[in-house]
Amino acid sequence: MQILRTILTILFVIDCIALTVVVLMQEGKSQGLGAIAGAADTYWGKNKGRSMEGGLVKATTIMGVLFFVLAVVLNLNF
């Protein structure tokens, strides 16, 4: 069991570093009141998922879920 815990801890550290890098690579979304009217069209555009920003959002979501799951699993006493 100690080997599994070591492997999960290494994956957790790698995920923490990767999540930090991906979040820092994303563009800022604070555009003030202009975001109310025009930014919704650019965010919900049909090609958003294929852009680099869309990929970063998906990667952040996946790594965030992995972070949470690994944190819970590593906190268990097995």
Protein backbone atom coordinates (compact mmCIF):
# COMPACT_ATOMS: atom_id res chain seq x y z
CA MET A 1 0.00 0.00 0.00
CA GLN A 2 2.90 2.35 0.59
CA ILE A 3 3.94 2.09 -3.07
CA LEU A 4 0.43 3.07 -4.21
CA ARG A 5 0.43 6.03 -1.81
CA THR A 6 3.83 7.16 -3.15
CA ILE A 7 2.64 6.92 -6.76
CA LEU A 8 -0.55 8.88 -5.96
CA THR A 9 1.49 11.53 -4.13
CA ILE A 10 3.79 11.95 -7.14
CA LEU A 11 0.74 12.25 -9.44
CA PHE A 12 -0.74 14.81 -7.03
CA VAL A 13 2.40 16.97 -7.12
CA ILE A 14 2.58 16.78 -10.93
CA ASP A 15 -1.10 17.71 -11.15
CA CYS A 16 -0.59 20.68 -8.80
CA ILE A 17 2.27 22.04 -10.89
CA ALA A 18 0.45 21.47 -14.19
CA LEU A 19 -2.74 23.07 -12.87
CA THR A 20 -0.80 26.14 -11.75
CA VAL A 21 0.86 26.47 -15.17
CA VAL A 22 -2.40 26.06 -17.09
CA VAL A 23 -4.23 28.62 -14.95
CA LEU A 24 -1.42 31.13 -15.40
CA MET A 25 -1.46 30.61 -19.20
CA GLN A 26 -5.12 31.62 -19.48
CA GLU A 27 -6.11 35.11 -20.49
CA GLY A 28 -7.77 37.40 -17.99
CA LYS A 29 -11.51 37.63 -18.30
CA SER A 30 -12.03 40.88 -16.37
CA GLN A 31 -13.23 43.31 -19.01
CA GLY A 32 -15.40 45.48 -16.82
CA LEU A 33 -18.92 46.34 -17.92
CA GLY A 34 -18.05 45.65 -21.56
CA ALA A 35 -18.20 41.95 -20.79
CA ILE A 36 -21.96 42.15 -20.25
CA ALA A 37 -22.82 42.87 -23.85
CA GLY A 38 -20.14 41.72 -26.25
CA ALA A 39 -17.95 39.16 -24.56
CA ALA A 40 -20.69 36.57 -24.32
CA ASP A 41 -20.64 36.18 -28.09
CA THR A 42 -16.93 35.50 -28.18
CA TYR A 43 -17.02 33.10 -25.22
CA TRP A 44 -19.94 31.04 -26.46
CA GLY A 45 -18.83 31.07 -30.09
CA LYS A 46 -18.97 27.72 -31.85
CA ASN A 47 -15.19 27.57 -32.40
CA LYS A 48 -14.30 28.37 -28.78
CA GLY A 49 -13.72 24.71 -27.92
CA ARG A 50 -11.20 24.33 -30.72
CA SER A 51 -9.12 27.36 -29.79
CA MET A 52 -6.18 27.32 -27.42
CA GLU A 53 -8.21 29.16 -24.78
CA GLY A 54 -10.96 26.55 -25.00
CA GLY A 55 -8.41 23.79 -24.59
CA LEU A 56 -6.95 25.50 -21.54
CA VAL A 57 -10.41 25.76 -19.98
CA LYS A 58 -11.02 22.04 -20.55
CA ALA A 59 -7.58 21.15 -19.19
CA THR A 60 -8.21 23.28 -16.10
CA THR A 61 -11.50 21.52 -15.46
CA ILE A 62 -10.01 18.05 -15.85
CA MET A 63 -6.98 18.82 -13.71
CA GLY A 64 -9.15 20.48 -11.07
CA VAL A 65 -11.32 17.37 -10.76
CA LEU A 66 -8.19 15.17 -10.65
CA PHE A 67 -6.74 17.44 -7.95
CA PHE A 68 -9.88 17.09 -5.83
CA VAL A 69 -10.10 13.31 -6.25
CA LEU A 70 -6.43 12.76 -5.46
CA ALA A 71 -6.65 15.03 -2.41
CA VAL A 72 -9.60 13.04 -1.06
CA VAL A 73 -7.97 9.67 -1.77
CA LEU A 74 -4.65 10.70 -0.22
CA ASN A 75 -6.47 11.93 2.88
CA LEU A 76 -8.00 8.52 3.54
CA ASN A 77 -6.24 6.32 6.06
CA PHE A 78 -5.65 3.05 4.25
